[in-house]
Amino acid sequence: METKTIQGLLTYITKSLVKNPDDVIVAEKITEDGILEYTLSVNPDDMGRIIGRNGKTARSVRLLVSAKASLENKRTHIEIAED
């Protein structure tokens, strides 16, 4: 379990929520402003599990990742890719 990095934490949380953990892809990019931007890609069948009712699960995942990033004095943005 690799949760020492922000990307590792996001990957671990996402794989724990979905039925197809092998299809989870987390891409990291650093913007010009120094914000860590993550693009989360999952199996289309698992999209509802990641977003949750009224976006509650996605909001919770973003909150956890934001808390981890604040410990490292970093800012993050998570985009959920719809394939």
N, C-alpha and C. Protein backbone atom coordinates (compact mmCIF):
# COMPACT_ATOMS: atom_id res chain seq x y z
N MET A 1 0.85 -1.18 0.00
CA MET A 1 0.00 0.00 0.00
C MET A 1 0.89 1.23 0.00
N GLU A 2 0.85 1.99 -1.09
CA GLU A 2 1.67 3.18 -1.25
C GLU A 2 0.81 4.42 -1.01
N THR A 3 0.81 4.92 0.21
CA THR A 3 0.03 6.12 0.52
C THR A 3 0.92 7.24 1.03
N LYS A 4 2.22 7.12 0.84
CA LYS A 4 3.13 8.16 1.31
C LYS A 4 3.04 9.40 0.44
N THR A 5 2.66 9.23 -0.83
CA THR A 5 2.52 10.37 -1.73
C THR A 5 1.03 10.70 -1.89
N ILE A 6 0.78 11.87 -2.38
CA ILE A 6 -0.61 12.28 -2.63
C ILE A 6 -1.21 11.40 -3.72
N GLN A 7 -0.45 11.15 -4.78
CA GLN A 7 -0.94 10.30 -5.86
C GLN A 7 -1.19 8.89 -5.36
N GLY A 8 -0.33 8.39 -4.48
CA GLY A 8 -0.51 7.06 -3.91
C GLY A 8 -1.77 6.98 -3.07
N LEU A 9 -2.04 8.02 -2.30
CA LEU A 9 -3.26 8.06 -1.49
C LEU A 9 -4.50 8.06 -2.39
N LEU A 10 -4.49 8.89 -3.42
CA LEU A 10 -5.63 8.96 -4.34
C LEU A 10 -5.84 7.62 -5.04
N THR A 11 -4.78 6.98 -5.45
CA THR A 11 -4.88 5.67 -6.09
C THR A 11 -5.44 4.63 -5.14
N TYR A 12 -4.95 4.61 -3.91
CA TYR A 12 -5.41 3.65 -2.91
C TYR A 12 -6.90 3.83 -2.61
N ILE A 13 -7.34 5.07 -2.41
CA ILE A 13 -8.75 5.33 -2.11
C ILE A 13 -9.62 4.90 -3.28
N THR A 14 -9.22 5.28 -4.48
CA THR A 14 -10.01 4.97 -5.67
C THR A 14 -10.11 3.47 -5.90
N LYS A 15 -9.00 2.76 -5.79
CA LYS A 15 -9.03 1.32 -6.00
C LYS A 15 -9.87 0.61 -4.94
N SER A 16 -9.97 1.19 -3.75
CA SER A 16 -10.78 0.60 -2.69
C SER A 16 -12.28 0.77 -2.96
N LEU A 17 -12.64 1.77 -3.74
CA LEU A 17 -14.06 2.06 -3.99
C LEU A 17 -14.66 1.33 -5.19
N VAL A 18 -13.84 0.96 -6.14
CA VAL A 18 -14.36 0.43 -7.41
C VAL A 18 -14.35 -1.10 -7.46
N LYS A 19 -15.11 -1.64 -8.41
CA LYS A 19 -15.15 -3.09 -8.61
C LYS A 19 -14.05 -3.55 -9.55
N ASN A 20 -13.51 -2.64 -10.35
CA ASN A 20 -12.46 -2.97 -11.31
C ASN A 20 -11.20 -2.17 -10.98
N PRO A 21 -10.48 -2.53 -9.91
CA PRO A 21 -9.33 -1.73 -9.49
C PRO A 21 -8.17 -1.72 -10.50
N ASP A 22 -8.10 -2.71 -11.36
CA ASP A 22 -7.02 -2.74 -12.35
C ASP A 22 -7.20 -1.67 -13.43
N ASP A 23 -8.41 -1.12 -13.56
CA ASP A 23 -8.68 -0.11 -14.57
C ASP A 23 -8.44 1.32 -14.07
N VAL A 24 -8.04 1.48 -12.82
CA VAL A 24 -7.83 2.81 -12.25
C VAL A 24 -6.51 3.38 -12.74
N ILE A 25 -6.59 4.61 -13.28
CA ILE A 25 -5.39 5.33 -13.73
C ILE A 25 -5.42 6.72 -13.11
N VAL A 26 -4.34 7.09 -12.45
CA VAL A 26 -4.22 8.41 -11.85
C VAL A 26 -3.01 9.09 -12.49
N ALA A 27 -3.28 10.16 -13.25
CA ALA A 27 -2.21 10.90 -13.92
C ALA A 27 -1.97 12.21 -13.17
N GLU A 28 -0.70 12.54 -12.99
CA GLU A 28 -0.33 13.75 -12.25
C GLU A 28 0.32 14.76 -13.19
N LYS A 29 -0.04 16.03 -13.01
CA LYS A 29 0.55 17.11 -13.79
C LYS A 29 0.70 18.31 -12.87
N ILE A 30 1.78 19.04 -13.00
CA ILE A 30 1.98 20.24 -12.20
C ILE A 30 1.72 21.44 -13.10
N THR A 31 0.80 22.31 -12.67
CA THR A 31 0.47 23.50 -13.46
C THR A 31 1.52 24.58 -13.25
N GLU A 32 1.41 25.65 -14.03
CA GLU A 32 2.33 26.78 -13.91
C GLU A 32 2.25 27.43 -12.53
N ASP A 33 1.08 27.35 -11.90
CA ASP A 33 0.88 27.94 -10.59
C ASP A 33 1.42 27.06 -9.46
N GLY A 34 1.91 25.88 -9.80
CA GLY A 34 2.43 24.95 -8.80
C GLY A 34 1.36 24.06 -8.19
N ILE A 35 0.18 24.05 -8.79
CA ILE A 35 -0.91 23.20 -8.30
C ILE A 35 -0.75 21.80 -8.87
N LEU A 36 -0.88 20.80 -8.02
CA LEU A 36 -0.83 19.41 -8.48
C LEU A 36 -2.19 19.05 -9.04
N GLU A 37 -2.23 18.75 -10.31
CA GLU A 37 -3.49 18.43 -10.97
C GLU A 37 -3.52 16.94 -11.28
N TYR A 38 -4.53 16.25 -10.76
CA TYR A 38 -4.67 14.82 -10.96
C TYR A 38 -5.88 14.54 -11.84
N THR A 39 -5.69 13.66 -12.81
CA THR A 39 -6.78 13.21 -13.66
C THR A 39 -7.04 11.75 -13.31
N LEU A 40 -8.25 11.49 -12.87
CA LEU A 40 -8.64 10.16 -12.40
C LEU A 40 -9.49 9.49 -13.47
N SER A 41 -9.05 8.31 -13.90
CA SER A 41 -9.76 7.57 -14.93
C SER A 41 -10.12 6.20 -14.37
N VAL A 42 -11.39 5.82 -14.48
CA VAL A 42 -11.85 4.52 -13.99
C VAL A 42 -12.70 3.86 -15.07
N ASN A 43 -13.01 2.59 -14.87
CA ASN A 43 -13.89 1.86 -15.76
C ASN A 43 -15.25 2.56 -15.79
N PRO A 44 -15.88 2.69 -16.96
CA PRO A 44 -17.18 3.36 -17.03
C PRO A 44 -18.24 2.77 -16.10
N ASP A 45 -18.15 1.47 -15.82
CA ASP A 45 -19.10 0.83 -14.90
C ASP A 45 -18.93 1.32 -13.47
N ASP A 46 -17.74 1.82 -13.13
CA ASP A 46 -17.44 2.27 -11.77
C ASP A 46 -17.62 3.77 -11.57
N MET A 47 -18.01 4.48 -12.61
CA MET A 47 -18.12 5.94 -12.52
C MET A 47 -19.09 6.37 -11.42
N GLY A 48 -20.20 5.69 -11.29
CA GLY A 48 -21.18 6.02 -10.25
C GLY A 48 -20.63 5.80 -8.85
N ARG A 49 -19.77 4.81 -8.70
CA ARG A 49 -19.17 4.54 -7.39
C ARG A 49 -18.22 5.65 -6.98
N ILE A 50 -17.51 6.23 -7.94
CA ILE A 50 -16.56 7.29 -7.65
C ILE A 50 -17.27 8.62 -7.38
N ILE A 51 -18.29 8.90 -8.16
CA ILE A 51 -19.00 10.17 -7.98
C ILE A 51 -19.94 10.11 -6.78
N GLY A 52 -20.67 9.03 -6.63
CA GLY A 52 -21.58 8.89 -5.49
C GLY A 52 -22.86 9.69 -5.68
N ARG A 53 -23.74 9.58 -4.71
CA ARG A 53 -25.00 10.33 -4.78
C ARG A 53 -24.73 11.81 -4.60
N ASN A 54 -25.20 12.57 -5.57
CA ASN A 54 -25.03 14.03 -5.56
C ASN A 54 -23.57 14.44 -5.41
N GLY A 55 -22.64 13.58 -5.81
CA GLY A 55 -21.22 13.92 -5.77
C GLY A 55 -20.58 13.82 -4.40
N LYS A 56 -21.25 13.17 -3.46
CA LYS A 56 -20.72 13.11 -2.10
C LYS A 56 -19.42 12.31 -2.00
N THR A 57 -19.31 11.21 -2.72
CA THR A 57 -18.10 10.41 -2.66
C THR A 57 -16.93 11.17 -3.27
N ALA A 58 -17.16 11.79 -4.42
CA ALA A 58 -16.10 12.57 -5.07
C ALA A 58 -15.65 13.72 -4.17
N ARG A 59 -16.60 14.36 -3.52
CA ARG A 59 -16.28 15.47 -2.61
C ARG A 59 -15.44 14.97 -1.43
N SER A 60 -15.78 13.80 -0.91
CA SER A 60 -15.03 13.23 0.21
C SER A 60 -13.61 12.85 -0.20
N VAL A 61 -13.46 12.28 -1.38
CA VAL A 61 -12.13 11.92 -1.88
C VAL A 61 -11.30 13.18 -2.05
N ARG A 62 -11.89 14.22 -2.62
CA ARG A 62 -11.17 15.49 -2.80
C ARG A 62 -10.76 16.08 -1.45
N LEU A 63 -11.62 15.96 -0.45
CA LEU A 63 -11.32 16.49 0.88
C LEU A 63 -10.14 15.75 1.51
N LEU A 64 -10.13 14.42 1.40
CA LEU A 64 -9.02 13.64 1.96
C LEU A 64 -7.69 13.97 1.27
N VAL A 65 -7.73 14.07 -0.05
CA VAL A 65 -6.51 14.39 -0.79
C VAL A 65 -6.05 15.81 -0.47
N SER A 66 -6.99 16.72 -0.33
CA SER A 66 -6.66 18.10 0.03
C SER A 66 -6.02 18.18 1.41
N ALA A 67 -6.52 17.37 2.34
CA ALA A 67 -5.95 17.35 3.69
C ALA A 67 -4.51 16.83 3.65
N LYS A 68 -4.27 15.78 2.88
CA LYS A 68 -2.91 15.25 2.73
C LYS A 68 -1.99 16.29 2.10
N ALA A 69 -2.50 16.99 1.09
CA ALA A 69 -1.70 18.00 0.40
C ALA A 69 -1.38 19.18 1.32
N SER A 70 -2.31 19.55 2.16
CA SER A 70 -2.07 20.68 3.06
C SER A 70 -0.98 20.36 4.08
N LEU A 71 -0.85 19.09 4.44
CA LEU A 71 0.25 18.69 5.33
C LEU A 71 1.61 18.90 4.67
N GLU A 72 1.62 18.86 3.34
CA GLU A 72 2.85 19.03 2.58
C GLU A 72 2.94 20.44 1.97
N ASN A 73 2.05 21.33 2.39
CA ASN A 73 2.00 22.72 1.89
C ASN A 73 1.87 22.76 0.36
N LYS A 74 0.96 21.95 -0.15
CA LYS A 74 0.70 21.89 -1.59
C LYS A 74 -0.78 22.08 -1.84
N ARG A 75 -1.11 22.45 -3.08
CA ARG A 75 -2.51 22.59 -3.49
C ARG A 75 -2.79 21.57 -4.58
N THR A 76 -4.02 21.04 -4.58
CA THR A 76 -4.38 20.02 -5.55
C THR A 76 -5.69 20.34 -6.25
N HIS A 77 -5.84 19.72 -7.40
CA HIS A 77 -7.10 19.76 -8.15
C HIS A 77 -7.29 18.36 -8.73
N ILE A 78 -8.50 17.79 -8.54
CA ILE A 78 -8.77 16.45 -9.06
C ILE A 78 -9.86 16.53 -10.11
N GLU A 79 -9.57 15.99 -11.26
CA GLU A 79 -10.51 15.93 -12.37
C GLU A 79 -10.88 14.47 -12.59
N ILE A 80 -12.16 14.18 -12.66
CA ILE A 80 -12.59 12.80 -12.93
C ILE A 80 -12.93 12.73 -14.42
N ALA A 81 -12.14 11.94 -15.14
CA ALA A 81 -12.29 11.85 -16.60
C ALA A 81 -13.44 10.92 -16.94
N GLU A 82 -14.29 11.39 -17.82
CA GLU A 82 -15.39 10.57 -18.32
C GLU A 82 -15.00 10.04 -19.68
N ASP A 83 -14.75 8.74 -19.75
CA ASP A 83 -14.32 8.14 -21.03
C ASP A 83 -15.51 7.72 -21.85
